[in-house]
Amino acid sequence: MQVRDRIHRSINESTNSRVVMWSFFEALILIAMTLGQVYYLKRFFEVRRVV
């Protein structure tokens, strides 16, 4: 019974660390996409003067 408990605890800790790392990665991607869209929209709506 103790062996099963240790195995399950190990699996739970491994899964938890993977979920935490994935959420950080996902947050970084979300921030990068947001900054990219802001940059793109600023350039898109920029007034260009033809001289």
PDB file of N, CA and C in Angstrom:
ATOM      1  N   MET A   1       0.827  -1.202   0.000  1.00  0.00           N
ATOM      2  CA  MET A   1       0.000   0.000   0.000  1.00  0.00           C
ATOM      3  C   MET A   1       0.865   1.258   0.000  1.00  0.00           C
ATOM      4  N   GLN A   2       1.955   1.232   0.750  1.00  0.00           N
ATOM      5  CA  GLN A   2       2.835   2.394   0.791  1.00  0.00           C
ATOM      6  C   GLN A   2       3.533   2.608  -0.548  1.00  0.00           C
ATOM      7  N   VAL A   3       3.824   1.513  -1.220  1.00  0.00           N
ATOM      8  CA  VAL A   3       4.470   1.626  -2.528  1.00  0.00           C
ATOM      9  C   VAL A   3       3.517   2.300  -3.513  1.00  0.00           C
ATOM     10  N   ARG A   4       2.264   1.880  -3.508  1.00  0.00           N
ATOM     11  CA  ARG A   4       1.276   2.521  -4.382  1.00  0.00           C
ATOM     12  C   ARG A   4       1.134   3.997  -4.068  1.00  0.00           C
ATOM     13  N   ASP A   5       1.138   4.327  -2.783  1.00  0.00           N
ATOM     14  CA  ASP A   5       1.017   5.725  -2.367  1.00  0.00           C
ATOM     15  C   ASP A   5       2.195   6.543  -2.889  1.00  0.00           C
ATOM     16  N   ARG A   6       3.408   5.993  -2.783  1.00  0.00           N
ATOM     17  CA  ARG A   6       4.586   6.705  -3.284  1.00  0.00           C
ATOM     18  C   ARG A   6       4.533   6.882  -4.800  1.00  0.00           C
ATOM     19  N   ILE A   7       4.079   5.867  -5.494  1.00  0.00           N
ATOM     20  CA  ILE A   7       3.978   5.955  -6.958  1.00  0.00           C
ATOM     21  C   ILE A   7       2.961   7.016  -7.353  1.00  0.00           C
ATOM     22  N   HIS A   8       1.805   7.003  -6.709  1.00  0.00           N
ATOM     23  CA  HIS A   8       0.771   7.993  -7.026  1.00  0.00           C
ATOM     24  C   HIS A   8       1.221   9.404  -6.673  1.00  0.00           C
ATOM     25  N   ARG A   9       1.922   9.549  -5.557  1.00  0.00           N
ATOM     26  CA  ARG A   9       2.434  10.865  -5.167  1.00  0.00           C
ATOM     27  C   ARG A   9       3.435  11.373  -6.213  1.00  0.00           C
ATOM     28  N   SER A  10       4.291  10.484  -6.686  1.00  0.00           N
ATOM     29  CA  SER A  10       5.273  10.859  -7.710  1.00  0.00           C
ATOM     30  C   SER A  10       4.584  11.285  -9.003  1.00  0.00           C
ATOM     31  N   ILE A  11       3.571  10.534  -9.402  1.00  0.00           N
ATOM     32  CA  ILE A  11       2.828  10.874 -10.617  1.00  0.00           C
ATOM     33  C   ILE A  11       2.122  12.212 -10.446  1.00  0.00           C
ATOM     34  N   ASN A  12       1.516  12.446  -9.291  1.00  0.00           N
ATOM     35  CA  ASN A  12       0.823  13.709  -9.035  1.00  0.00           C
ATOM     36  C   ASN A  12       1.777  14.890  -9.063  1.00  0.00           C
ATOM     37  N   GLU A  13       2.946  14.749  -8.451  1.00  0.00           N
ATOM     38  CA  GLU A  13       3.917  15.841  -8.444  1.00  0.00           C
ATOM     39  C   GLU A  13       4.444  16.119  -9.847  1.00  0.00           C
ATOM     40  N   SER A  14       4.678  15.068 -10.610  1.00  0.00           N
ATOM     41  CA  SER A  14       5.149  15.239 -11.985  1.00  0.00           C
ATOM     42  C   SER A  14       4.099  15.951 -12.832  1.00  0.00           C
ATOM     43  N   THR A  15       2.858  15.520 -12.703  1.00  0.00           N
ATOM     44  CA  THR A  15       1.779  16.145 -13.462  1.00  0.00           C
ATOM     45  C   THR A  15       1.599  17.601 -13.055  1.00  0.00           C
ATOM     46  N   ASN A  16       1.686  17.873 -11.762  1.00  0.00           N
ATOM     47  CA  ASN A  16       1.539  19.237 -11.273  1.00  0.00           C
ATOM     48  C   ASN A  16       2.631  20.138 -11.840  1.00  0.00           C
ATOM     49  N   SER A  17       3.866  19.678 -11.845  1.00  0.00           N
ATOM     50  CA  SER A  17       4.953  20.512 -12.370  1.00  0.00           C
ATOM     51  C   SER A  17       4.788  20.741 -13.866  1.00  0.00           C
ATOM     52  N   ARG A  18       4.312  19.744 -14.589  1.00  0.00           N
ATOM     53  CA  ARG A  18       4.080  19.922 -16.029  1.00  0.00           C
ATOM     54  C   ARG A  18       2.983  20.946 -16.293  1.00  0.00           C
ATOM     55  N   VAL A  19       1.910  20.893 -15.508  1.00  0.00           N
ATOM     56  CA  VAL A  19       0.809  21.839 -15.680  1.00  0.00           C
ATOM     57  C   VAL A  19       1.273  23.256 -15.374  1.00  0.00           C
ATOM     58  N   VAL A  20       2.074  23.426 -14.327  1.00  0.00           N
ATOM     59  CA  VAL A  20       2.584  24.751 -13.978  1.00  0.00           C
ATOM     60  C   VAL A  20       3.479  25.284 -15.094  1.00  0.00           C
ATOM     61  N   MET A  21       4.380  24.457 -15.602  1.00  0.00           N
ATOM     62  CA  MET A  21       5.274  24.900 -16.679  1.00  0.00           C
ATOM     63  C   MET A  21       4.473  25.239 -17.938  1.00  0.00           C
ATOM     64  N   TRP A  22       3.471  24.443 -18.254  1.00  0.00           N
ATOM     65  CA  TRP A  22       2.648  24.712 -19.431  1.00  0.00           C
ATOM     66  C   TRP A  22       1.895  26.027 -19.280  1.00  0.00           C
ATOM     67  N   SER A  23       1.400  26.316 -18.080  1.00  0.00           N
ATOM     68  CA  SER A  23       0.662  27.563 -17.883  1.00  0.00           C
ATOM     69  C   SER A  23       1.587  28.768 -18.015  1.00  0.00           C
ATOM     70  N   PHE A  24       2.831  28.683 -17.531  1.00  0.00           N
ATOM     71  CA  PHE A  24       3.790  29.772 -17.732  1.00  0.00           C
ATOM     72  C   PHE A  24       4.090  29.959 -19.215  1.00  0.00           C
ATOM     73  N   PHE A  25       4.305  28.858 -19.923  1.00  0.00           N
ATOM     74  CA  PHE A  25       4.571  28.921 -21.361  1.00  0.00           C
ATOM     75  C   PHE A  25       3.397  29.554 -22.099  1.00  0.00           C
ATOM     76  N   GLU A  26       2.200  29.151 -21.734  1.00  0.00           N
ATOM     77  CA  GLU A  26       0.997  29.680 -22.369  1.00  0.00           C
ATOM     78  C   GLU A  26       0.840  31.177 -22.096  1.00  0.00           C
ATOM     79  N   ALA A  27       1.149  31.604 -20.884  1.00  0.00           N
ATOM     80  CA  ALA A  27       1.077  33.027 -20.541  1.00  0.00           C
ATOM     81  C   ALA A  27       2.094  33.828 -21.344  1.00  0.00           C
ATOM     82  N   LEU A  28       3.297  33.300 -21.510  1.00  0.00           N
ATOM     83  CA  LEU A  28       4.315  33.990 -22.310  1.00  0.00           C
ATOM     84  C   LEU A  28       3.879  34.121 -23.767  1.00  0.00           C
ATOM     85  N   ILE A  29       3.301  33.073 -24.312  1.00  0.00           N
ATOM     86  CA  ILE A  29       2.809  33.123 -25.691  1.00  0.00           C
ATOM     87  C   ILE A  29       1.694  34.151 -25.811  1.00  0.00           C
ATOM     88  N   LEU A  30       0.800  34.197 -24.840  1.00  0.00           N
ATOM     89  CA  LEU A  30      -0.301  35.156 -24.861  1.00  0.00           C
ATOM     90  C   LEU A  30       0.222  36.590 -24.820  1.00  0.00           C
ATOM     91  N   ILE A  31       1.207  36.851 -23.979  1.00  0.00           N
ATOM     92  CA  ILE A  31       1.793  38.193 -23.899  1.00  0.00           C
ATOM     93  C   ILE A  31       2.481  38.554 -25.208  1.00  0.00           C
ATOM     94  N   ALA A  32       3.221  37.617 -25.780  1.00  0.00           N
ATOM     95  CA  ALA A  32       3.910  37.877 -27.047  1.00  0.00           C
ATOM     96  C   ALA A  32       2.913  38.171 -28.167  1.00  0.00           C
ATOM     97  N   MET A  33       1.829  37.417 -28.229  1.00  0.00           N
ATOM     98  CA  MET A  33       0.815  37.658 -29.258  1.00  0.00           C
ATOM     99  C   MET A  33       0.147  39.016 -29.061  1.00  0.00           C
ATOM    100  N   THR A  34      -0.113  39.389 -27.824  1.00  0.00           N
ATOM    101  CA  THR A  34      -0.723  40.688 -27.535  1.00  0.00           C
ATOM    102  C   THR A  34       0.185  41.823 -27.985  1.00  0.00           C
ATOM    103  N   LEU A  35       1.464  41.737 -27.636  1.00  0.00           N
ATOM    104  CA  LEU A  35       2.410  42.774 -28.047  1.00  0.00           C
ATOM    105  C   LEU A  35       2.536  42.837 -29.568  1.00  0.00           C
ATOM    106  N   GLY A  36       2.530  41.689 -30.217  1.00  0.00           N
ATOM    107  CA  GLY A  36       2.589  41.655 -31.673  1.00  0.00           C
ATOM    108  C   GLY A  36       1.374  42.311 -32.306  1.00  0.00           C
ATOM    109  N   GLN A  37       0.207  42.058 -31.772  1.00  0.00           N
ATOM    110  CA  GLN A  37      -1.004  42.665 -32.314  1.00  0.00           C
ATOM    111  C   GLN A  37      -1.018  44.170 -32.094  1.00  0.00           C
ATOM    112  N   VAL A  38      -0.575  44.624 -30.932  1.00  0.00           N
ATOM    113  CA  VAL A  38      -0.528  46.063 -30.666  1.00  0.00           C
ATOM    114  C   VAL A  38       0.419  46.737 -31.648  1.00  0.00           C
ATOM    115  N   TYR A  39       1.587  46.151 -31.855  1.00  0.00           N
ATOM    116  CA  TYR A  39       2.560  46.709 -32.795  1.00  0.00           C
ATOM    117  C   TYR A  39       1.979  46.751 -34.211  1.00  0.00           C
ATOM    118  N   TYR A  40       1.345  45.646 -34.624  1.00  0.00           N
ATOM    119  CA  TYR A  40       0.778  45.573 -35.969  1.00  0.00           C
ATOM    120  C   TYR A  40      -0.335  46.602 -36.151  1.00  0.00           C
ATOM    121  N   LEU A  41      -1.233  46.722 -35.175  1.00  0.00           N
ATOM    122  CA  LEU A  41      -2.345  47.662 -35.302  1.00  0.00           C
ATOM    123  C   LEU A  41      -1.867  49.107 -35.272  1.00  0.00           C
ATOM    124  N   LYS A  42      -0.839  49.407 -34.490  1.00  0.00           N
ATOM    125  CA  LYS A  42      -0.284  50.758 -34.496  1.00  0.00           C
ATOM    126  C   LYS A  42       0.258  51.104 -35.878  1.00  0.00           C
ATOM    127  N   ARG A  43       0.964  50.178 -36.484  1.00  0.00           N
ATOM    128  CA  ARG A  43       1.504  50.429 -37.822  1.00  0.00           C
ATOM    129  C   ARG A  43       0.390  50.495 -38.857  1.00  0.00           C
ATOM    130  N   PHE A  44      -0.659  49.699 -38.682  1.00  0.00           N
ATOM    131  CA  PHE A  44      -1.745  49.655 -39.654  1.00  0.00           C
ATOM    132  C   PHE A  44      -2.512  50.972 -39.680  1.00  0.00           C
ATOM    133  N   PHE A  45      -2.761  51.547 -38.512  1.00  0.00           N
ATOM    134  CA  PHE A  45      -3.548  52.774 -38.442  1.00  0.00           C
ATOM    135  C   PHE A  45      -2.699  54.042 -38.428  1.00  0.00           C
ATOM    136  N   GLU A  46      -1.420  53.892 -38.639  1.00  0.00           N
ATOM    137  CA  GLU A  46      -0.538  55.047 -38.671  1.00  0.00           C
ATOM    138  C   GLU A  46      -0.862  55.897 -39.900  1.00  0.00           C
ATOM    139  N   VAL A  47      -0.909  57.214 -39.711  1.00  0.00           N
ATOM    140  CA  VAL A  47      -1.215  58.122 -40.821  1.00  0.00           C
ATOM    141  C   VAL A  47       0.056  58.326 -41.625  1.00  0.00           C
ATOM    142  N   ARG A  48      -0.035  58.023 -42.901  1.00  0.00           N
ATOM    143  CA  ARG A  48       1.115  58.206 -43.778  1.00  0.00           C
ATOM    144  C   ARG A  48       0.860  59.413 -44.660  1.00  0.00           C
ATOM    145  N   ARG A  49       1.792  60.307 -44.637  1.00  0.00           N
ATOM    146  CA  ARG A  49       1.658  61.525 -45.441  1.00  0.00           C
ATOM    147  C   ARG A  49       2.487  61.381 -46.709  1.00  0.00           C
ATOM    148  N   VAL A  50       1.867  61.697 -47.818  1.00  0.00           N
ATOM    149  CA  VAL A  50       2.579  61.667 -49.094  1.00  0.00           C
ATOM    150  C   VAL A  50       2.943  63.099 -49.439  1.00  0.00           C
ATOM    151  N   VAL A  51       4.228  63.348 -49.608  1.00  0.00           N
ATOM    152  CA  VAL A  51       4.685  64.718 -49.888  1.00  0.00           C
ATOM    153  C   VAL A  51       4.901  64.903 -51.363  1.00  0.00           C
TER     154      VAL A  51
END
